[in-house]
Amino acid sequence: MLETPEELERLQTLLDESIEGAGRHLRDVIDDGRRMTAEDVCARMHGMCLLVVGTVTADGRPLVGPVDGYLVHGSLWFSSARDSVRMRHLARRPHVSATYLPSEECAVTVHGHAELFDVCDPQHPELRDAMLRHYLPLQGPAFAEWVDRENPVGARIETEKIFTFLMPR
């Protein structure tokens, strides 16, 4: 876990406020016995986690697709190519939703807006570092060379709402 005690506290507050503001149906499904704590979320979402990210077209149509996601300092981060439809959408309309759904027993969904940046920008090393921690052991130094050459666009989701679900065993 990369989260500080302050980041865990902020994430827990957001989790609590989100469920308090949820509709009756969602609160019925995600009762207290099925909610994750901030510590639970961080323990489950370490390393690369596949996310389904939703953006919106200019005419209001939703588009979703998978990305390599990383939970870093209590926020979800991901990247994509500079010319990707997803990043063009987010540059114009930064509202975004993302779901981590590794199985029917577990889900983490966030709603917020994306803050875009260059992955190789030294002012924002968190995403590049997370990507390298995951992919260098799998692909070797060629991955770092590719990232530096392509310099993809990174996105950090500034979370406004977060909902979790964990089916007790």
Protein backbone atom coordinates (compact mmCIF):
# COMPACT_ATOMS: atom_id res chain seq x y z
CA MET A 1 0.00 0.00 0.00
CA LEU A 2 1.27 3.45 -0.93
CA GLU A 3 -1.38 5.32 1.02
CA THR A 4 -0.51 7.46 4.03
CA PRO A 5 -2.76 7.49 7.11
CA GLU A 6 -4.12 10.85 5.93
CA GLU A 7 -4.92 9.45 2.47
CA LEU A 8 -6.67 6.43 4.01
CA GLU A 9 -8.71 8.76 6.22
CA ARG A 10 -9.68 10.91 3.21
CA LEU A 11 -10.68 7.79 1.25
CA GLN A 12 -12.71 6.44 4.17
CA THR A 13 -14.54 9.76 4.54
CA LEU A 14 -15.35 9.71 0.82
CA LEU A 15 -16.61 6.12 1.07
CA ASP A 16 -18.84 7.02 4.02
CA GLU A 17 -20.20 10.21 2.42
CA SER A 18 -20.86 8.43 -0.89
CA ILE A 19 -22.99 5.67 0.61
CA GLU A 20 -24.86 8.16 2.82
CA GLY A 21 -25.89 10.05 -0.33
CA ALA A 22 -26.79 6.94 -2.32
CA GLY A 23 -30.32 5.97 -3.27
CA ARG A 24 -32.33 3.43 -1.31
CA HIS A 25 -31.77 0.59 -3.77
CA LEU A 26 -27.99 0.98 -3.74
CA ARG A 27 -27.94 1.20 0.06
CA ASP A 28 -30.06 -1.98 0.21
CA VAL A 29 -27.60 -3.86 -2.03
CA ILE A 30 -24.49 -2.42 -0.41
CA ASP A 31 -25.46 -2.75 3.23
CA ASP A 32 -22.89 -2.38 6.01
CA GLY A 33 -21.94 -6.06 5.75
CA ARG A 34 -21.02 -5.67 2.07
CA ARG A 35 -19.05 -2.44 2.17
CA MET A 36 -15.27 -2.27 2.05
CA THR A 37 -13.19 0.04 4.21
CA ALA A 38 -10.46 2.23 2.76
CA GLU A 39 -7.91 -0.32 3.96
CA ASP A 40 -9.85 -3.12 2.23
CA VAL A 41 -9.91 -1.19 -1.06
CA CYS A 42 -6.18 -0.49 -0.94
CA ALA A 43 -5.34 -4.09 -0.03
CA ARG A 44 -7.38 -5.45 -2.95
CA MET A 45 -6.33 -2.89 -5.55
CA HIS A 46 -2.55 -3.17 -5.42
CA GLY A 47 -0.52 -3.27 -8.60
CA MET A 48 -2.22 -3.07 -11.96
CA CYS A 49 -6.01 -3.52 -11.84
CA LEU A 50 -8.15 -3.66 -14.95
CA LEU A 51 -10.73 -0.88 -14.91
CA VAL A 52 -13.67 -0.23 -17.18
CA VAL A 53 -13.66 3.52 -17.81
CA GLY A 54 -16.67 5.42 -19.10
CA THR A 55 -16.49 8.72 -20.99
CA VAL A 56 -19.08 10.72 -22.91
CA THR A 57 -19.15 11.75 -26.58
CA ALA A 58 -19.97 15.29 -27.69
CA ASP A 59 -23.56 14.22 -28.40
CA GLY A 60 -23.97 12.58 -24.99
CA ARG A 61 -23.41 8.91 -25.85
CA PRO A 62 -21.51 6.92 -23.20
CA LEU A 63 -18.45 4.93 -24.25
CA VAL A 64 -16.76 2.40 -21.98
CA GLY A 65 -13.57 0.44 -22.36
CA PRO A 66 -10.85 -1.32 -20.38
CA VAL A 67 -7.65 0.32 -19.16
CA ASP A 68 -4.76 -0.65 -16.93
CA GLY A 69 -5.58 1.10 -13.66
CA TYR A 70 -3.55 1.79 -10.56
CA LEU A 71 -4.66 2.84 -7.10
CA VAL A 72 -1.99 5.26 -5.93
CA HIS A 73 -2.29 7.48 -2.84
CA GLY A 74 -6.01 6.72 -2.62
CA SER A 75 -6.85 7.76 -6.21
CA LEU A 76 -7.33 5.80 -9.43
CA TRP A 77 -4.90 6.52 -12.25
CA PHE A 78 -4.70 5.24 -15.84
CA SER A 79 -3.17 6.16 -19.17
CA SER A 80 -3.87 5.90 -22.87
CA ALA A 81 -2.39 7.00 -26.17
CA ARG A 82 -2.41 10.69 -27.00
CA ASP A 83 -4.68 10.14 -29.98
CA SER A 84 -7.12 7.79 -28.23
CA VAL A 85 -10.81 8.59 -28.35
CA ARG A 86 -10.95 8.20 -24.56
CA MET A 87 -8.37 10.90 -23.90
CA ARG A 88 -9.91 13.24 -26.47
CA HIS A 89 -13.25 12.87 -24.67
CA LEU A 90 -11.66 13.56 -21.28
CA ALA A 91 -9.80 16.60 -22.58
CA ARG A 92 -13.13 18.14 -23.64
CA ARG A 93 -15.46 16.60 -21.04
CA PRO A 94 -13.51 15.48 -17.97
CA HIS A 95 -16.37 13.72 -16.18
CA VAL A 96 -15.53 10.04 -15.87
CA SER A 97 -16.70 6.85 -14.20
CA ALA A 98 -14.59 3.76 -13.64
CA THR A 99 -15.27 0.31 -12.23
CA TYR A 100 -12.90 -2.34 -10.94
CA LEU A 101 -14.80 -5.63 -11.21
CA PRO A 102 -12.50 -8.62 -10.71
CA SER A 103 -15.43 -10.95 -9.94
CA GLU A 104 -19.11 -10.97 -9.08
CA GLU A 105 -18.14 -10.87 -5.40
CA CYS A 106 -16.20 -7.59 -5.54
CA ALA A 107 -16.63 -4.17 -7.15
CA VAL A 108 -15.26 -0.67 -6.72
CA THR A 109 -16.92 2.11 -8.72
CA VAL A 110 -15.84 5.75 -8.78
CA HIS A 111 -17.42 8.82 -10.33
CA GLY A 112 -15.55 12.08 -10.73
CA HIS A 113 -13.48 14.02 -13.20
CA ALA A 114 -10.15 13.27 -14.83
CA GLU A 115 -7.08 15.42 -14.43
CA LEU A 116 -4.87 14.83 -17.48
CA PHE A 117 -1.06 15.05 -17.62
CA ASP A 118 1.93 13.68 -19.52
CA VAL A 119 2.93 10.32 -18.04
CA CYS A 120 6.61 11.29 -18.33
CA ASP A 121 6.16 14.69 -16.66
CA PRO A 122 8.49 14.70 -13.63
CA GLN A 123 5.85 16.72 -11.75
CA HIS A 124 3.59 13.63 -11.89
CA PRO A 125 5.83 10.55 -11.41
CA GLU A 126 3.24 8.40 -9.61
CA LEU A 127 1.60 6.77 -12.62
CA ARG A 128 4.83 6.14 -14.55
CA ASP A 129 6.38 4.61 -11.42
CA ALA A 130 3.35 2.34 -10.90
CA MET A 131 3.41 1.27 -14.55
CA LEU A 132 7.12 0.45 -14.36
CA ARG A 133 6.70 -1.53 -11.11
CA HIS A 134 4.15 -3.71 -12.87
CA TYR A 135 5.52 -4.05 -16.39
CA LEU A 136 9.34 -4.02 -16.01
CA PRO A 137 9.37 -7.52 -14.45
CA LEU A 138 7.07 -8.76 -17.22
CA GLN A 139 8.51 -6.98 -20.28
CA GLY A 140 11.95 -5.76 -19.25
CA PRO A 141 13.56 -2.42 -20.08
CA ALA A 142 11.82 -2.27 -23.47
CA PHE A 143 8.66 -1.23 -21.63
CA ALA A 144 10.35 1.81 -20.04
CA GLU A 145 11.79 2.75 -23.43
CA TRP A 146 8.33 2.49 -24.99
CA VAL A 147 6.73 4.66 -22.27
CA ASP A 148 9.42 7.31 -22.64
CA ARG A 149 9.14 7.30 -26.43
CA GLU A 150 5.33 7.35 -26.59
CA ASN A 151 4.79 9.58 -23.50
CA PRO A 152 1.11 8.61 -23.16
CA VAL A 153 -1.46 10.82 -21.51
CA GLY A 154 -2.13 10.01 -17.89
CA ALA A 155 -5.33 10.59 -15.98
CA ARG A 156 -5.92 10.79 -12.25
CA ILE A 157 -9.55 10.50 -11.28
CA GLU A 158 -10.50 13.18 -8.78
CA THR A 159 -13.14 11.06 -7.09
CA GLU A 160 -16.42 12.67 -6.13
CA LYS A 161 -18.24 9.42 -5.22
CA ILE A 162 -17.00 5.91 -4.58
CA PHE A 163 -19.03 2.77 -3.96
CA THR A 164 -17.68 -0.64 -2.98
CA PHE A 165 -19.20 -4.09 -2.80
CA LEU A 166 -17.73 -7.22 -1.26
CA MET A 167 -19.76 -10.37 -0.85
CA PRO A 168 -18.96 -11.94 2.50
CA ARG A 169 -17.70 -15.51 2.34
